N, C-alpha and C. Protein backbone atom coordinates (compact mmCIF):
# COMPACT_ATOMS: atom_id res chain seq x y z
N MET A 1 182.53 75.40 46.09
CA MET A 1 182.68 74.37 47.21
C MET A 1 184.41 74.62 47.46
N ASN A 2 185.03 74.73 46.52
CA ASN A 2 186.48 75.10 46.58
C ASN A 2 187.03 76.27 47.48
N ASP A 3 186.08 77.13 47.12
CA ASP A 3 186.27 78.69 47.83
C ASP A 3 185.67 78.46 49.27
N ILE A 4 184.71 77.71 49.49
CA ILE A 4 184.29 77.61 50.95
C ILE A 4 185.48 76.81 51.48
N TYR A 5 186.03 76.04 51.09
CA TYR A 5 187.54 74.97 51.62
C TYR A 5 188.59 75.83 51.94
N GLN A 6 188.85 77.13 51.07
CA GLN A 6 189.59 77.83 51.15
C GLN A 6 189.63 78.84 52.27
N GLY A 7 188.09 79.30 52.43
CA GLY A 7 187.77 80.05 53.36
C GLY A 7 188.13 79.60 54.42
N LEU A 8 187.78 78.11 54.75
CA LEU A 8 187.86 77.63 55.93
C LEU A 8 189.38 77.48 56.33
N LEU A 9 190.11 77.18 55.69
CA LEU A 9 191.65 77.19 55.74
C LEU A 9 191.88 78.26 56.33
N GLN A 10 191.78 79.32 55.78
CA GLN A 10 192.37 81.08 55.72
C GLN A 10 191.40 81.29 57.34
N GLY A 11 190.41 80.82 57.51
CA GLY A 11 189.82 81.60 58.68
C GLY A 11 190.23 80.51 59.92
N MET A 12 190.71 79.36 59.72
CA MET A 12 191.86 78.74 60.82
C MET A 12 193.32 79.19 60.80
N HIS A 13 193.80 79.84 60.03
CA HIS A 13 194.95 80.52 59.90
C HIS A 13 194.90 81.49 60.66
N ASP A 14 194.00 82.51 60.16
CA ASP A 14 193.91 83.68 60.99
C ASP A 14 193.25 83.72 62.43
N MET A 15 192.43 82.79 62.80
CA MET A 15 192.04 82.77 64.32
C MET A 15 193.13 83.16 64.99
N SER A 16 192.82 83.99 65.83
CA SER A 16 193.80 83.93 67.20
C SER A 16 193.27 83.27 68.52
N TRP A 17 194.37 83.11 69.27
CA TRP A 17 194.21 81.91 70.38
C TRP A 17 193.01 82.60 71.39
N LEU A 18 192.73 84.01 71.17
CA LEU A 18 191.68 84.62 72.06
C LEU A 18 190.24 84.07 71.54
N GLU A 19 190.15 83.92 70.24
CA GLU A 19 189.06 83.83 69.38
C GLU A 19 188.71 82.02 69.57
N ALA A 20 189.78 81.41 69.50
CA ALA A 20 189.77 80.05 69.52
C ALA A 20 189.20 79.67 70.95
N ILE A 21 189.47 80.55 72.17
CA ILE A 21 188.95 80.10 73.39
C ILE A 21 187.56 80.77 73.57
N ALA A 22 186.92 81.69 72.72
CA ALA A 22 185.84 82.03 72.62
C ALA A 22 184.94 81.30 72.14
N VAL A 23 185.32 80.46 71.01
CA VAL A 23 184.60 79.42 70.22
C VAL A 23 184.64 78.46 70.85
N PHE A 24 185.63 78.11 71.89
CA PHE A 24 185.56 76.69 72.49
C PHE A 24 184.28 76.91 73.63
N PHE A 25 184.26 78.03 74.22
CA PHE A 25 183.36 78.22 75.25
C PHE A 25 182.05 78.60 74.69
N ALA A 26 181.79 78.76 73.70
CA ALA A 26 180.25 78.76 73.10
C ALA A 26 179.93 77.68 72.82
N VAL A 27 180.82 76.62 72.16
CA VAL A 27 180.62 75.22 72.04
C VAL A 27 179.70 74.62 73.49
N LEU A 28 181.29 74.78 74.34
CA LEU A 28 180.44 74.26 75.89
C LEU A 28 179.23 74.63 76.35
N SER A 29 178.76 75.95 76.33
CA SER A 29 178.02 76.91 76.49
C SER A 29 176.64 76.17 75.93
N VAL A 30 176.57 75.94 74.72
CA VAL A 30 175.30 75.37 74.07
C VAL A 30 174.91 74.12 74.33
N ILE A 31 176.19 73.22 74.74
CA ILE A 31 176.14 71.69 75.13
C ILE A 31 175.20 71.60 76.46
N PHE A 32 175.85 72.60 77.49
CA PHE A 32 175.16 72.68 78.65
C PHE A 32 173.96 73.31 78.79
N GLN A 33 173.60 74.10 77.87
CA GLN A 33 172.29 74.51 77.30
C GLN A 33 171.03 73.59 77.01
N LYS A 34 171.84 72.68 76.22
CA LYS A 34 171.23 71.36 75.87
C LYS A 34 170.81 70.45 77.16
N LYS A 35 171.58 70.54 77.92
CA LYS A 35 171.60 69.59 79.06
C LYS A 35 170.73 70.18 80.39
N ASN A 36 170.34 71.44 80.08
CA ASN A 36 169.78 72.36 81.32
C ASN A 36 170.68 72.28 82.33
N ASN A 37 171.90 72.41 81.97
CA ASN A 37 172.82 72.90 83.36
C ASN A 37 173.07 74.19 83.30
N ILE A 38 173.45 74.61 84.45
CA ILE A 38 173.72 76.31 84.85
C ILE A 38 175.05 76.21 84.41
N LEU A 39 175.98 75.83 84.00
CA LEU A 39 176.93 76.11 83.52
C LEU A 39 176.82 76.79 82.05
N VAL A 40 175.66 76.73 81.80
CA VAL A 40 175.33 77.52 80.22
C VAL A 40 176.12 78.70 80.50
N TYR A 41 175.88 79.33 81.97
CA TYR A 41 175.77 80.88 81.74
C TYR A 41 177.50 81.23 82.13
N PRO A 42 178.16 80.64 82.96
CA PRO A 42 179.87 80.77 83.30
C PRO A 42 180.10 80.75 82.07
N THR A 43 180.17 79.94 81.08
CA THR A 43 180.56 79.57 79.97
C THR A 43 180.17 80.57 78.97
N GLY A 44 179.07 81.18 78.74
CA GLY A 44 178.49 81.89 78.15
C GLY A 44 179.49 83.31 78.26
N ILE A 45 179.28 83.51 79.55
CA ILE A 45 179.57 84.77 80.32
C ILE A 45 181.25 84.86 79.43
N ILE A 46 182.18 83.89 79.74
CA ILE A 46 183.29 83.87 79.00
C ILE A 46 183.59 84.19 77.60
N SER A 47 182.35 83.27 76.81
CA SER A 47 182.80 83.42 76.03
C SER A 47 182.17 84.63 74.96
N THR A 48 180.95 85.39 75.29
CA THR A 48 180.34 86.64 75.08
C THR A 48 181.38 88.02 75.51
N GLY A 49 181.94 87.70 76.77
CA GLY A 49 182.94 88.57 77.32
C GLY A 49 184.11 88.85 76.11
N ILE A 50 184.40 87.39 75.71
CA ILE A 50 185.95 87.65 74.78
C ILE A 50 185.33 88.32 73.45
N PHE A 51 184.20 87.80 72.95
CA PHE A 51 183.49 88.29 71.74
C PHE A 51 183.32 89.76 71.84
N THR A 52 182.78 90.40 72.91
CA THR A 52 182.56 91.59 72.91
C THR A 52 183.70 92.57 72.86
N TYR A 53 184.79 92.04 73.71
CA TYR A 53 185.90 92.79 73.38
C TYR A 53 186.54 92.61 71.92
N LEU A 54 187.05 91.49 71.27
CA LEU A 54 187.21 91.24 69.70
C LEU A 54 186.81 92.16 68.85
N LEU A 55 185.37 92.24 68.70
CA LEU A 55 184.18 92.76 67.67
C LEU A 55 184.41 94.01 67.95
N SER A 56 184.76 94.51 69.34
CA SER A 56 184.67 96.24 69.24
C SER A 56 186.16 97.09 68.85
N ARG A 57 187.35 96.01 68.70
CA ARG A 57 188.32 96.41 68.75
C ARG A 57 188.69 97.04 67.22
N GLU A 58 189.20 98.11 67.08
CA GLU A 58 189.02 98.88 65.95
C GLU A 58 189.64 98.11 64.32
N HIS A 59 190.34 97.15 64.78
CA HIS A 59 190.63 96.16 63.72
C HIS A 59 189.26 95.49 63.04
N PHE A 60 188.61 95.18 63.80
CA PHE A 60 186.94 94.79 63.25
C PHE A 60 186.18 95.62 62.93
N LYS A 61 186.05 96.53 63.91
CA LYS A 61 184.86 97.53 63.78
C LYS A 61 183.30 97.28 63.84
N LEU A 62 183.06 95.68 64.24
CA LEU A 62 181.86 95.13 64.27
C LEU A 62 181.06 95.68 65.47
N TYR A 63 180.55 96.84 65.58
CA TYR A 63 180.24 97.19 66.43
C TYR A 63 178.52 97.07 66.87
N ALA A 64 177.95 96.45 65.82
CA ALA A 64 176.63 95.95 66.17
C ALA A 64 176.79 94.50 66.63
N ASP A 65 177.57 93.70 66.29
CA ASP A 65 178.00 92.40 66.70
C ASP A 65 178.41 92.40 68.32
N ALA A 66 179.02 93.29 68.45
CA ALA A 66 179.66 93.57 69.95
C ALA A 66 178.90 94.16 70.68
N THR A 67 177.79 94.76 70.18
CA THR A 67 176.76 95.17 71.46
C THR A 67 175.69 94.28 71.57
N LEU A 68 175.74 93.20 70.39
CA LEU A 68 174.74 91.98 70.53
C LEU A 68 175.22 91.27 71.67
N ASN A 69 176.69 91.12 71.62
CA ASN A 69 177.54 89.75 72.51
C ASN A 69 177.60 91.03 73.80
N ALA A 70 177.64 91.83 74.11
CA ALA A 70 177.41 92.86 75.39
C ALA A 70 176.20 92.64 76.04
N TYR A 71 175.02 92.11 75.04
CA TYR A 71 173.74 91.92 75.53
C TYR A 71 173.43 90.57 76.06
N TYR A 72 174.19 89.62 75.48
CA TYR A 72 174.21 88.11 75.74
C TYR A 72 174.97 88.16 77.18
N LEU A 73 176.09 89.03 77.33
CA LEU A 73 176.82 88.98 78.42
C LEU A 73 176.07 89.18 79.62
N VAL A 74 175.09 90.15 79.44
CA VAL A 74 174.30 91.23 80.65
C VAL A 74 173.14 89.73 80.87
N MET A 75 172.76 89.34 79.95
CA MET A 75 171.99 88.20 80.03
C MET A 75 172.16 87.29 80.60
N SER A 76 173.32 86.28 80.37
CA SER A 76 174.01 85.54 80.60
C SER A 76 174.03 85.38 82.55
N ILE A 77 174.58 86.76 83.11
CA ILE A 77 174.60 86.95 84.11
C ILE A 77 172.93 87.03 85.00
N TYR A 78 172.22 87.80 84.41
CA TYR A 78 170.92 87.59 84.72
C TYR A 78 170.31 86.52 84.97
N GLY A 79 170.65 85.78 83.68
CA GLY A 79 170.25 84.31 83.73
C GLY A 79 170.82 83.21 84.99
N TRP A 80 172.05 83.61 84.74
CA TRP A 80 172.56 82.74 86.11
C TRP A 80 172.03 83.12 87.41
N LEU A 81 171.90 83.88 87.68
CA LEU A 81 171.22 84.75 88.91
C LEU A 81 169.93 84.02 89.19
N TYR A 82 168.99 84.16 88.04
CA TYR A 82 167.46 83.95 88.28
C TYR A 82 167.43 82.07 88.29
N TRP A 83 168.77 81.46 87.36
CA TRP A 83 168.56 80.03 87.37
C TRP A 83 168.94 79.70 89.33
N ALA A 84 170.15 80.23 89.58
CA ALA A 84 170.58 80.14 91.08
C ALA A 84 169.69 80.23 92.02
N ARG A 85 168.76 81.39 91.93
CA ARG A 85 167.90 81.77 92.90
C ARG A 85 167.06 80.73 93.64
N LYS A 86 167.34 80.69 94.87
CA LYS A 86 166.33 79.44 95.13
C LYS A 86 166.52 79.46 96.75
N ARG A 87 165.32 79.50 97.61
CA ARG A 87 165.23 79.54 98.99
C ARG A 87 164.87 78.30 99.28
N PRO A 88 164.97 78.04 100.72
CA PRO A 88 164.62 76.85 101.10
C PRO A 88 163.50 76.21 100.74
N GLU A 89 162.19 77.20 101.14
CA GLU A 89 160.91 77.01 100.81
C GLU A 89 160.33 76.80 99.46
N GLN A 90 161.54 77.08 98.40
CA GLN A 90 160.95 77.32 97.08
C GLN A 90 161.39 75.97 96.28
N PRO A 91 160.83 75.60 95.23
CA PRO A 91 161.36 74.71 94.46
C PRO A 91 162.32 75.42 93.45
N ALA A 92 163.30 74.48 92.60
CA ALA A 92 164.09 75.06 91.47
C ALA A 92 163.21 75.51 90.61
N VAL A 93 163.85 76.32 89.67
CA VAL A 93 162.91 76.92 88.57
C VAL A 93 163.17 75.98 87.66
N LYS A 94 161.82 75.48 87.36
CA LYS A 94 161.71 74.34 85.92
C LYS A 94 161.58 74.79 84.75
N ILE A 95 162.02 74.06 83.96
CA ILE A 95 161.59 74.23 82.46
C ILE A 95 159.97 74.10 82.21
N THR A 96 159.67 75.12 81.66
CA THR A 96 158.20 75.37 81.38
C THR A 96 158.09 75.74 79.89
N ARG A 97 156.73 75.97 79.70
CA ARG A 97 156.29 76.27 78.82
C ARG A 97 156.03 77.97 78.48
N SER A 98 155.85 78.79 77.80
CA SER A 98 155.85 80.25 77.48
C SER A 98 154.41 80.39 77.72
N SER A 99 154.07 81.39 78.92
CA SER A 99 152.64 81.53 78.49
C SER A 99 152.65 82.95 77.55
N ARG A 100 151.16 83.13 77.15
CA ARG A 100 150.98 84.18 76.13
C ARG A 100 151.57 85.26 76.16
N LYS A 101 151.85 85.94 77.65
CA LYS A 101 152.12 86.90 77.99
C LYS A 101 153.72 87.18 77.52
N GLU A 102 154.19 86.27 78.21
CA GLU A 102 155.77 86.07 77.71
C GLU A 102 156.01 85.87 76.35
N LEU A 103 155.21 85.14 75.48
CA LEU A 103 155.54 85.10 73.99
C LEU A 103 154.85 86.34 73.25
N THR A 104 154.16 87.20 74.08
CA THR A 104 153.96 88.52 73.83
C THR A 104 155.18 89.46 73.66
N THR A 105 155.61 89.25 75.33
CA THR A 105 156.97 90.12 75.60
C THR A 105 158.23 89.63 74.57
N ALA A 106 158.26 88.41 74.43
CA ALA A 106 159.61 87.84 73.26
C ALA A 106 159.33 88.51 71.82
N THR A 107 158.14 88.51 71.29
CA THR A 107 157.69 88.92 70.13
C THR A 107 158.09 90.60 69.98
N ILE A 108 157.46 91.25 71.14
CA ILE A 108 157.91 92.71 71.05
C ILE A 108 159.20 93.04 71.14
N ILE A 109 159.90 92.47 72.17
CA ILE A 109 161.41 92.31 72.20
C ILE A 109 162.07 92.03 70.59
N ALA A 110 161.64 91.16 69.91
CA ALA A 110 162.05 90.77 68.68
C ALA A 110 161.72 92.01 67.58
N ILE A 111 160.76 92.48 67.54
CA ILE A 111 159.87 93.55 66.58
C ILE A 111 160.82 94.84 67.02
N THR A 112 160.98 94.99 67.93
CA THR A 112 161.69 96.52 68.41
C THR A 112 163.13 96.42 68.21
N GLY A 113 163.61 95.16 68.74
CA GLY A 113 164.91 94.87 68.51
C GLY A 113 165.21 95.44 66.88
N TRP A 114 164.72 94.69 66.22
CA TRP A 114 164.81 94.60 64.74
C TRP A 114 164.77 95.92 64.10
N ALA A 115 163.80 96.79 64.48
CA ALA A 115 163.77 98.44 64.18
C ALA A 115 164.94 99.05 64.53
N ILE A 116 165.18 98.69 66.16
CA ILE A 116 166.21 99.62 66.41
C ILE A 116 167.56 99.11 65.43
N PHE A 117 168.16 97.99 65.69
CA PHE A 117 169.38 97.40 65.04
C PHE A 117 169.31 98.05 63.52
N TYR A 118 167.91 97.84 62.76
CA TYR A 118 168.45 98.48 61.41
C TYR A 118 168.39 99.77 61.45
N THR A 119 167.91 100.51 62.11
CA THR A 119 167.89 101.96 62.13
C THR A 119 169.13 102.53 62.32
N LEU A 120 170.01 101.74 63.54
CA LEU A 120 171.33 102.17 63.71
C LEU A 120 172.41 101.60 62.51
N LEU A 121 172.12 100.33 62.02
CA LEU A 121 173.11 99.79 60.69
C LEU A 121 172.88 100.72 59.43
N HIS A 122 171.57 101.10 59.68
CA HIS A 122 171.18 101.49 58.20
C HIS A 122 171.93 103.04 58.28
N ASN A 123 171.61 103.89 59.10
CA ASN A 123 171.85 105.17 59.30
C ASN A 123 173.55 105.54 60.16
N PHE A 124 174.03 104.48 60.90
CA PHE A 124 175.23 105.26 61.37
C PHE A 124 176.24 103.66 60.98
N SER A 125 176.26 103.00 60.35
CA SER A 125 177.26 102.20 59.63
C SER A 125 177.22 102.00 58.39
N ASP A 126 178.14 101.08 57.89
CA ASP A 126 178.38 100.97 56.07
C ASP A 126 178.07 99.60 55.83
N SER A 127 177.28 99.02 56.88
CA SER A 127 176.61 97.60 56.61
C SER A 127 175.88 97.50 55.30
N ASN A 128 176.19 96.41 54.45
CA ASN A 128 175.21 96.37 53.33
C ASN A 128 174.02 95.45 53.11
N VAL A 129 174.32 94.67 54.64
CA VAL A 129 173.03 93.88 54.82
C VAL A 129 172.41 94.05 56.19
N PRO A 130 171.53 95.53 56.34
CA PRO A 130 171.13 95.82 57.58
C PRO A 130 169.96 95.16 58.17
N VAL A 131 169.18 94.49 57.13
CA VAL A 131 167.72 94.17 57.11
C VAL A 131 167.91 92.66 57.73
N MET A 132 168.75 92.00 57.09
CA MET A 132 169.22 90.42 57.83
C MET A 132 169.92 90.36 59.20
N ASP A 133 171.20 91.56 59.09
CA ASP A 133 171.72 91.39 60.25
C ASP A 133 171.04 92.06 61.51
N ALA A 134 170.34 93.03 61.23
CA ALA A 134 169.47 93.21 62.29
C ALA A 134 168.27 92.32 62.63
N PHE A 135 167.76 91.59 61.82
CA PHE A 135 166.84 90.37 62.26
C PHE A 135 167.37 89.34 62.92
N VAL A 136 168.68 89.13 62.90
CA VAL A 136 169.54 88.18 63.26
C VAL A 136 169.69 88.47 64.54
N SER A 137 170.10 89.54 65.21
CA SER A 137 170.33 90.26 66.40
C SER A 137 168.99 90.15 67.32
N ALA A 138 167.73 90.61 66.53
CA ALA A 138 166.89 90.91 67.45
C ALA A 138 166.05 89.66 67.73
N SER A 139 166.07 88.53 66.85
CA SER A 139 165.62 87.30 67.44
C SER A 139 166.41 86.38 68.61
N ALA A 140 167.64 86.69 68.09
CA ALA A 140 168.40 86.07 69.19
C ALA A 140 168.14 86.78 70.67
N CYS A 141 168.28 88.00 70.64
CA CYS A 141 168.22 88.70 71.86
C CYS A 141 166.48 88.21 72.54
N ALA A 142 165.60 88.15 71.75
CA ALA A 142 164.32 87.59 72.09
C ALA A 142 164.22 86.21 72.76
N GLY A 143 165.41 85.44 72.15
CA GLY A 143 165.41 84.00 72.33
C GLY A 143 166.25 84.00 73.79
N MET A 144 167.28 84.74 74.03
CA MET A 144 168.30 84.82 75.13
C MET A 144 167.31 85.15 76.23
N TRP A 145 166.18 85.73 75.64
CA TRP A 145 165.14 86.73 77.22
C TRP A 145 164.51 85.11 77.61
N LEU A 146 163.83 84.36 76.83
CA LEU A 146 163.32 83.47 77.26
C LEU A 146 163.96 82.26 77.56
N LEU A 147 165.28 82.01 77.27
CA LEU A 147 166.18 81.04 78.03
C LEU A 147 166.62 81.59 79.37
N ALA A 148 166.88 82.62 79.49
CA ALA A 148 166.93 83.19 81.05
C ALA A 148 165.68 82.57 82.18
N LYS A 149 164.62 82.54 81.11
CA LYS A 149 163.67 81.99 82.26
C LYS A 149 163.09 80.71 82.02
N ARG A 150 164.07 79.79 81.59
CA ARG A 150 164.09 78.59 81.15
C ARG A 150 162.54 78.25 80.40
N LYS A 151 162.29 78.99 79.32
CA LYS A 151 161.04 78.34 78.48
C LYS A 151 162.01 77.44 76.93
N VAL A 152 160.92 76.81 76.55
CA VAL A 152 161.00 75.93 75.77
C VAL A 152 161.29 76.66 74.64
N GLU A 153 160.40 77.65 74.50
CA GLU A 153 160.31 78.31 72.98
C GLU A 153 161.55 78.97 73.00
N ASN A 154 162.44 79.41 73.74
CA ASN A 154 163.50 79.85 73.53
C ASN A 154 164.67 79.51 72.30
N TRP A 155 164.40 77.85 72.09
CA TRP A 155 165.21 77.47 71.40
C TRP A 155 164.38 77.47 70.02
N ILE A 156 163.58 78.18 69.79
CA ILE A 156 162.85 78.16 68.44
C ILE A 156 163.61 79.63 67.88
N LEU A 157 163.37 80.55 68.65
CA LEU A 157 163.82 81.86 68.55
C LEU A 157 165.22 81.95 67.93
N LEU A 158 166.05 81.29 68.71
CA LEU A 158 167.51 81.34 68.41
C LEU A 158 167.85 80.56 67.64
N ASN A 159 167.12 79.31 66.82
CA ASN A 159 167.27 78.80 65.96
C ASN A 159 166.70 79.40 64.65
N ILE A 160 165.64 80.21 64.60
CA ILE A 160 165.52 81.09 63.68
C ILE A 160 166.35 82.05 63.21
N SER A 161 166.93 82.29 64.63
CA SER A 161 168.13 83.24 64.60
C SER A 161 169.46 82.49 63.76
N ASN A 162 169.59 81.52 63.91
CA ASN A 162 170.82 80.51 63.68
C ASN A 162 170.57 80.52 61.97
N PHE A 163 169.32 79.85 61.46
CA PHE A 163 169.03 79.57 60.31
C PHE A 163 169.13 81.21 59.19
N VAL A 164 168.77 81.92 59.70
CA VAL A 164 168.85 83.47 58.97
C VAL A 164 170.46 83.77 58.89
N ALA A 165 171.47 83.29 60.03
CA ALA A 165 172.62 83.80 59.98
C ALA A 165 173.48 82.99 59.48
N VAL A 166 173.35 81.96 59.05
CA VAL A 166 174.32 80.88 58.37
C VAL A 166 174.40 81.62 56.90
N PRO A 167 173.37 81.78 56.00
CA PRO A 167 173.62 81.98 54.88
C PRO A 167 174.44 83.47 54.80
N LEU A 168 173.97 84.50 55.87
CA LEU A 168 174.57 85.68 55.57
C LEU A 168 176.26 85.50 56.27
N LEU A 169 176.67 84.85 57.28
CA LEU A 169 177.90 84.66 57.42
C LEU A 169 178.37 83.84 56.15
N PHE A 170 177.75 83.27 55.61
CA PHE A 170 178.39 82.45 54.17
C PHE A 170 179.06 83.43 53.29
N TYR A 171 177.96 84.51 53.15
CA TYR A 171 177.95 85.71 52.33
C TYR A 171 178.90 86.79 52.59
N LYS A 172 179.35 86.89 53.93
CA LYS A 172 180.60 87.73 54.76
C LYS A 172 181.59 86.70 54.69
N HIS A 173 181.82 85.39 54.13
CA HIS A 173 183.05 84.66 54.00
C HIS A 173 183.48 84.43 55.35
N LEU A 174 182.60 84.33 56.53
CA LEU A 174 182.99 84.16 57.74
C LEU A 174 182.70 82.68 57.87
N TYR A 175 183.25 81.74 57.33
CA TYR A 175 183.32 80.42 57.11
C TYR A 175 183.08 79.66 58.33
N LEU A 176 184.08 79.88 59.37
CA LEU A 176 184.44 79.06 60.54
C LEU A 176 183.10 79.50 61.60
N THR A 177 182.63 80.81 61.40
CA THR A 177 181.58 80.98 62.28
C THR A 177 180.60 80.56 61.81
N ALA A 178 180.32 80.38 60.31
CA ALA A 178 178.95 79.62 59.83
C ALA A 178 179.06 78.17 60.32
N PHE A 179 180.38 77.55 60.17
CA PHE A 179 180.17 76.39 60.38
C PHE A 179 180.02 75.74 61.95
N LEU A 180 180.19 77.00 62.68
CA LEU A 180 179.95 76.70 64.42
C LEU A 180 178.60 76.91 64.36
N THR A 181 177.80 78.04 63.49
CA THR A 181 176.20 78.27 63.80
C THR A 181 175.61 77.24 63.10
N ILE A 182 175.83 76.24 62.33
CA ILE A 182 175.39 75.29 61.83
C ILE A 182 175.17 74.21 62.98
N PHE A 183 176.44 73.76 63.65
CA PHE A 183 176.40 73.08 64.94
C PHE A 183 175.74 73.53 65.98
N LEU A 184 175.84 74.83 66.18
CA LEU A 184 174.69 75.39 67.34
C LEU A 184 173.30 75.08 66.73
N PHE A 185 172.85 75.17 65.55
CA PHE A 185 171.65 75.12 65.06
C PHE A 185 171.33 73.53 65.07
N ILE A 186 172.12 72.91 64.81
CA ILE A 186 171.76 70.87 64.94
C ILE A 186 171.79 70.66 66.70
N ILE A 187 172.35 71.60 67.41
CA ILE A 187 172.39 71.32 68.92
C ILE A 187 170.87 71.74 69.35
N ALA A 188 170.56 73.09 68.61
CA ALA A 188 169.35 73.56 69.25
C ALA A 188 168.04 72.84 69.04
N ILE A 189 168.32 71.91 67.63
CA ILE A 189 167.07 71.07 67.56
C ILE A 189 166.89 69.83 68.49
N PHE A 190 168.23 69.46 69.11
CA PHE A 190 168.15 68.42 69.98
C PHE A 190 167.78 68.88 71.43
N GLY A 191 168.24 70.27 71.63
CA GLY A 191 167.69 70.81 72.91
C GLY A 191 166.31 71.13 73.04
N TYR A 192 165.58 71.74 71.88
CA TYR A 192 164.20 71.92 71.93
C TYR A 192 163.51 70.56 72.15
N LEU A 193 163.86 69.38 71.55
CA LEU A 193 163.47 68.10 71.96
C LEU A 193 163.24 67.54 73.40
N SER A 194 164.72 67.91 73.57
CA SER A 194 164.89 67.44 75.32
C SER A 194 164.05 68.58 76.04
N TRP A 195 164.12 69.55 75.89
CA TRP A 195 163.71 70.34 76.68
C TRP A 195 161.84 70.00 76.77
N LYS A 196 161.40 69.69 75.71
CA LYS A 196 160.05 69.92 75.44
C LYS A 196 159.58 68.35 76.22
N LYS A 197 160.31 67.45 75.60
CA LYS A 197 159.98 66.27 76.47
C LYS A 197 160.01 66.04 78.06
N THR A 198 160.82 67.15 78.88
CA THR A 198 160.88 67.09 80.02
C THR A 198 159.77 68.20 80.74
N VAL A 199 159.24 68.65 79.86
CA VAL A 199 157.82 69.59 80.21
C VAL A 199 156.40 68.79 79.98
N GLU A 200 156.87 67.80 78.84
CA GLU A 200 155.54 66.92 78.81
C GLU A 200 155.26 65.68 79.98
N GLN A 201 156.69 65.40 80.28
CA GLN A 201 156.74 64.38 81.39
C GLN A 201 156.26 64.97 82.67
N GLU A 202 156.65 66.08 82.96
CA GLU A 202 155.98 66.62 84.00
C GLU A 202 154.61 67.03 84.20
N GLU A 203 154.25 67.75 82.82
CA GLU A 203 152.59 67.73 82.37
C GLU A 203 151.76 66.28 83.04
N ILE A 204 152.54 65.08 82.25
CA ILE A 204 151.85 63.81 82.62
C ILE A 204 151.93 63.63 84.13
N SER A 205 152.72 63.81 84.80
CA SER A 205 152.95 63.48 86.47
C SER A 205 151.96 64.26 87.16
N ARG A 206 151.64 65.63 86.52
CA ARG A 206 150.53 66.24 87.33
C ARG A 206 149.19 65.68 87.01
N LYS A 207 148.97 64.96 86.29
CA LYS A 207 147.82 64.49 85.91
C LYS A 207 147.30 63.28 87.25
């Protein structure tokens, strides 16, 4: 326990102002996500943009994580445009459950992404945790795709990713990021319950 505390203090000491801004906007983004607020995307774009830059720098060389954040950045831009798309004769994009086709697509994204990330990490990096690292990235990719379409199940996939990420981050002594991920995990639980309630109320009103 003392090692974790000392690691947390060291992590706070080593945190750059740019990393602090990225973490701040990451927290804002997940809060806006829970509230089903379109600001989830501009705040997410700022956070992922900074993380993409930081993780790809020669000092860190976390190229897989940088690529994942670049994907988050692209999906955030796509999601922002998708959520904001609304013609006068069209209703706003609502929170809905995933169809079987959408769940199948998300599963394919997760499995294919896992295989691709693992292959790259195993063959072209010095990662000693390619299986878990690849799984975290792939499940997060699938969750982001469902989030962009305002599907309730996005929270489940994102939290599966968070659940596996926490012990991985502690193992890597990334204590600050681990505690941030625990916070995101808790927020995601409430986000899922909130979105699920919204969908159920909509279903009742249509009866």
